[in-house]
Amino acid sequence: MVCQERVRLLRNYSDASTNYAVKVRELVELAIAGLENETNAARRLCRAAWDSAEGSRLALSRHEADHTCDRVGDFRGVEDLDPS
């Protein structure tokens, strides 16, 4: 049986990691363009996105350790599950 909480945590981690990647790309583009003020603001947003991704990763890791639901078989049919 698929652990719904694990699926939720995985989706949160995926979304937070994607957001972090977007913020890093934006930071790089601003830095390359030489826009110092915008780069500094983007750096703060990048750090906040990293903090969110790390928090999501830790929540997933704690859940897996406490609930022991980290089996590969848990992912069968995940794409069909309700995200809420």
N, C-alpha and C. Protein backbone atom coordinates (compact mmCIF):
# COMPACT_ATOMS: atom_id res chain seq x y z
N MET A 1 0.84 -1.19 0.00
CA MET A 1 0.00 0.00 0.00
C MET A 1 0.89 1.25 0.00
N VAL A 2 0.49 2.21 -0.78
CA VAL A 2 1.24 3.45 -0.90
C VAL A 2 0.93 4.35 0.30
N CYS A 3 1.99 4.89 0.87
CA CYS A 3 1.84 5.81 2.00
C CYS A 3 1.51 7.20 1.45
N GLN A 4 0.29 7.65 1.68
CA GLN A 4 -0.16 8.94 1.17
C GLN A 4 0.64 10.11 1.73
N GLU A 5 1.05 10.02 2.97
CA GLU A 5 1.84 11.08 3.57
C GLU A 5 3.21 11.17 2.89
N ARG A 6 3.78 10.03 2.59
CA ARG A 6 5.07 10.03 1.90
C ARG A 6 4.93 10.64 0.51
N VAL A 7 3.87 10.31 -0.20
CA VAL A 7 3.62 10.89 -1.52
C VAL A 7 3.50 12.40 -1.40
N ARG A 8 2.77 12.88 -0.41
CA ARG A 8 2.61 14.32 -0.20
C ARG A 8 3.97 14.97 0.07
N LEU A 9 4.76 14.35 0.94
CA LEU A 9 6.08 14.89 1.27
C LEU A 9 7.02 14.88 0.07
N LEU A 10 6.94 13.83 -0.74
CA LEU A 10 7.75 13.77 -1.96
C LEU A 10 7.37 14.88 -2.93
N ARG A 11 6.08 15.11 -3.08
CA ARG A 11 5.64 16.19 -3.97
C ARG A 11 6.09 17.55 -3.44
N ASN A 12 5.99 17.75 -2.13
CA ASN A 12 6.46 19.01 -1.54
C ASN A 12 7.95 19.20 -1.80
N TYR A 13 8.71 18.14 -1.62
CA TYR A 13 10.16 18.20 -1.85
C TYR A 13 10.46 18.50 -3.32
N SER A 14 9.74 17.85 -4.20
CA SER A 14 9.94 18.08 -5.63
C SER A 14 9.62 19.53 -6.00
N ASP A 15 8.50 20.04 -5.51
CA ASP A 15 8.11 21.42 -5.81
C ASP A 15 9.13 22.40 -5.25
N ALA A 16 9.58 22.18 -4.02
CA ALA A 16 10.56 23.09 -3.40
C ALA A 16 11.89 23.03 -4.13
N SER A 17 12.30 21.85 -4.55
CA SER A 17 13.56 21.70 -5.28
C SER A 17 13.49 22.38 -6.64
N THR A 18 12.36 22.25 -7.31
CA THR A 18 12.16 22.91 -8.59
C THR A 18 12.21 24.42 -8.43
N ASN A 19 11.56 24.93 -7.39
CA ASN A 19 11.59 26.37 -7.12
C ASN A 19 13.02 26.84 -6.85
N TYR A 20 13.77 26.06 -6.11
CA TYR A 20 15.16 26.41 -5.84
C TYR A 20 15.97 26.48 -7.13
N ALA A 21 15.78 25.51 -8.00
CA ALA A 21 16.50 25.49 -9.28
C ALA A 21 16.16 26.73 -10.11
N VAL A 22 14.91 27.13 -10.11
CA VAL A 22 14.49 28.33 -10.84
C VAL A 22 15.18 29.56 -10.26
N LYS A 23 15.22 29.65 -8.93
CA LYS A 23 15.85 30.81 -8.28
C LYS A 23 17.36 30.86 -8.57
N VAL A 24 17.99 29.71 -8.62
CA VAL A 24 19.43 29.67 -8.95
C VAL A 24 19.65 30.16 -10.37
N ARG A 25 18.82 29.71 -11.31
CA ARG A 25 18.95 30.17 -12.70
C ARG A 25 18.77 31.69 -12.80
N GLU A 26 17.78 32.21 -12.07
CA GLU A 26 17.55 33.66 -12.08
C GLU A 26 18.76 34.40 -11.50
N LEU A 27 19.31 33.88 -10.42
CA LEU A 27 20.48 34.48 -9.80
C LEU A 27 21.65 34.52 -10.78
N VAL A 28 21.89 33.42 -11.45
CA VAL A 28 22.99 33.34 -12.41
C VAL A 28 22.80 34.35 -13.54
N GLU A 29 21.60 34.43 -14.07
CA GLU A 29 21.33 35.37 -15.17
C GLU A 29 21.58 36.81 -14.74
N LEU A 30 21.15 37.17 -13.53
CA LEU A 30 21.37 38.53 -13.04
C LEU A 30 22.85 38.80 -12.80
N ALA A 31 23.55 37.82 -12.25
CA ALA A 31 24.98 37.99 -12.00
C ALA A 31 25.75 38.16 -13.31
N ILE A 32 25.42 37.36 -14.30
CA ILE A 32 26.08 37.46 -15.61
C ILE A 32 25.81 38.83 -16.25
N ALA A 33 24.59 39.34 -16.04
CA ALA A 33 24.23 40.63 -16.61
C ALA A 33 24.87 41.79 -15.86
N GLY A 34 25.47 41.50 -14.71
CA GLY A 34 26.13 42.54 -13.93
C GLY A 34 25.19 43.44 -13.15
N LEU A 35 24.00 42.96 -12.88
CA LEU A 35 23.00 43.74 -12.15
C LEU A 35 23.16 43.48 -10.65
N GLU A 36 24.02 44.25 -10.03
CA GLU A 36 24.43 43.99 -8.64
C GLU A 36 23.28 44.06 -7.64
N ASN A 37 22.46 45.11 -7.70
CA ASN A 37 21.35 45.23 -6.74
C ASN A 37 20.36 44.08 -6.90
N GLU A 38 20.02 43.78 -8.14
CA GLU A 38 19.09 42.68 -8.40
C GLU A 38 19.70 41.33 -8.01
N THR A 39 21.00 41.20 -8.21
CA THR A 39 21.68 39.97 -7.83
C THR A 39 21.62 39.75 -6.32
N ASN A 40 21.81 40.80 -5.55
CA ASN A 40 21.74 40.68 -4.10
C ASN A 40 20.35 40.27 -3.64
N ALA A 41 19.32 40.86 -4.24
CA ALA A 41 17.94 40.48 -3.91
C ALA A 41 17.68 39.03 -4.31
N ALA A 42 18.15 38.64 -5.48
CA ALA A 42 17.97 37.27 -5.96
C ALA A 42 18.70 36.27 -5.07
N ARG A 43 19.85 36.68 -4.54
CA ARG A 43 20.61 35.81 -3.64
C ARG A 43 19.79 35.49 -2.38
N ARG A 44 19.11 36.50 -1.85
CA ARG A 44 18.26 36.27 -0.67
C ARG A 44 17.10 35.33 -1.00
N LEU A 45 16.48 35.53 -2.16
CA LEU A 45 15.38 34.65 -2.58
C LEU A 45 15.88 33.22 -2.81
N CYS A 46 17.08 33.12 -3.35
CA CYS A 46 17.68 31.82 -3.60
C CYS A 46 17.91 31.09 -2.27
N ARG A 47 18.41 31.79 -1.29
CA ARG A 47 18.65 31.19 0.03
C ARG A 47 17.34 30.73 0.67
N ALA A 48 16.29 31.54 0.56
CA ALA A 48 14.99 31.16 1.11
C ALA A 48 14.46 29.91 0.42
N ALA A 49 14.64 29.83 -0.90
CA ALA A 49 14.19 28.65 -1.65
C ALA A 49 15.00 27.42 -1.24
N TRP A 50 16.29 27.60 -1.00
CA TRP A 50 17.12 26.48 -0.54
C TRP A 50 16.66 26.01 0.84
N ASP A 51 16.39 26.95 1.73
CA ASP A 51 15.90 26.59 3.06
C ASP A 51 14.61 25.78 2.98
N SER A 52 13.72 26.19 2.09
CA SER A 52 12.46 25.47 1.91
C SER A 52 12.70 24.06 1.38
N ALA A 53 13.58 23.92 0.39
CA ALA A 53 13.89 22.60 -0.16
C ALA A 53 14.52 21.71 0.89
N GLU A 54 15.43 22.27 1.67
CA GLU A 54 16.09 21.48 2.72
C GLU A 54 15.09 21.07 3.79
N GLY A 55 14.19 21.96 4.16
CA GLY A 55 13.15 21.61 5.14
C GLY A 55 12.25 20.50 4.64
N SER A 56 11.92 20.56 3.35
CA SER A 56 11.09 19.50 2.75
C SER A 56 11.84 18.18 2.72
N ARG A 57 13.13 18.23 2.40
CA ARG A 57 13.93 17.01 2.37
C ARG A 57 14.02 16.38 3.76
N LEU A 58 14.22 17.22 4.76
CA LEU A 58 14.31 16.70 6.13
C LEU A 58 12.98 16.12 6.61
N ALA A 59 11.88 16.76 6.25
CA ALA A 59 10.56 16.23 6.63
C ALA A 59 10.33 14.86 6.01
N LEU A 60 10.71 14.72 4.75
CA LEU A 60 10.58 13.43 4.07
C LEU A 60 11.47 12.38 4.73
N SER A 61 12.69 12.75 5.02
CA SER A 61 13.63 11.82 5.64
C SER A 61 13.14 11.37 7.03
N ARG A 62 12.64 12.32 7.81
CA ARG A 62 12.11 11.96 9.15
C ARG A 62 10.92 11.04 9.02
N HIS A 63 10.03 11.34 8.07
CA HIS A 63 8.85 10.48 7.88
C HIS A 63 9.27 9.07 7.50
N GLU A 64 10.19 8.97 6.56
CA GLU A 64 10.64 7.64 6.13
C GLU A 64 11.27 6.87 7.29
N ALA A 65 12.05 7.55 8.11
CA ALA A 65 12.70 6.88 9.25
C ALA A 65 11.66 6.45 10.29
N ASP A 66 10.71 7.30 10.57
CA ASP A 66 9.70 7.01 11.60
C ASP A 66 8.66 6.01 11.12
N HIS A 67 8.32 6.08 9.84
CA HIS A 67 7.21 5.30 9.30
C HIS A 67 7.69 4.08 8.51
N THR A 68 8.97 4.02 8.23
CA THR A 68 9.59 2.94 7.44
C THR A 68 8.83 2.64 6.15
N CYS A 69 8.53 3.70 5.42
CA CYS A 69 7.77 3.53 4.16
C CYS A 69 8.63 3.93 2.96
N ASP A 70 9.91 3.59 2.99
CA ASP A 70 10.80 4.00 1.91
C ASP A 70 11.06 2.88 0.91
N ARG A 71 10.11 2.02 0.72
CA ARG A 71 10.28 0.92 -0.23
C ARG A 71 9.99 1.39 -1.66
N VAL A 72 10.70 0.85 -2.61
CA VAL A 72 10.51 1.20 -4.02
C VAL A 72 9.09 0.87 -4.46
N GLY A 73 8.52 -0.19 -3.97
CA GLY A 73 7.18 -0.58 -4.35
C GLY A 73 6.13 0.45 -4.01
N ASP A 74 6.44 1.35 -3.09
CA ASP A 74 5.49 2.40 -2.72
C ASP A 74 5.22 3.36 -3.86
N PHE A 75 6.06 3.37 -4.90
CA PHE A 75 5.92 4.33 -5.98
C PHE A 75 5.07 3.82 -7.13
N ARG A 76 4.68 2.58 -7.12
CA ARG A 76 3.86 2.06 -8.22
C ARG A 76 2.51 2.77 -8.22
N GLY A 77 2.18 3.38 -9.32
CA GLY A 77 0.89 4.05 -9.46
C GLY A 77 0.82 5.41 -8.79
N VAL A 78 1.94 5.98 -8.35
CA VAL A 78 1.94 7.26 -7.66
C VAL A 78 1.35 8.36 -8.54
N GLU A 79 1.60 8.30 -9.83
CA GLU A 79 1.12 9.35 -10.72
C GLU A 79 -0.41 9.41 -10.76
N ASP A 80 -1.08 8.33 -10.33
CA ASP A 80 -2.54 8.29 -10.34
C ASP A 80 -3.15 8.74 -9.02
N LEU A 81 -2.35 9.02 -8.02
CA LEU A 81 -2.88 9.36 -6.71
C LEU A 81 -3.35 10.79 -6.63
N ASP A 82 -4.29 11.00 -5.76
CA ASP A 82 -4.82 12.35 -5.49
C ASP A 82 -3.75 13.15 -4.76
N PRO A 83 -3.35 14.34 -5.26
CA PRO A 83 -2.27 15.10 -4.64
C PRO A 83 -2.66 15.77 -3.33
N SER A 84 -3.92 15.81 -2.97
CA SER A 84 -4.33 16.50 -1.74
C SER A 84 -4.22 15.65 -0.51
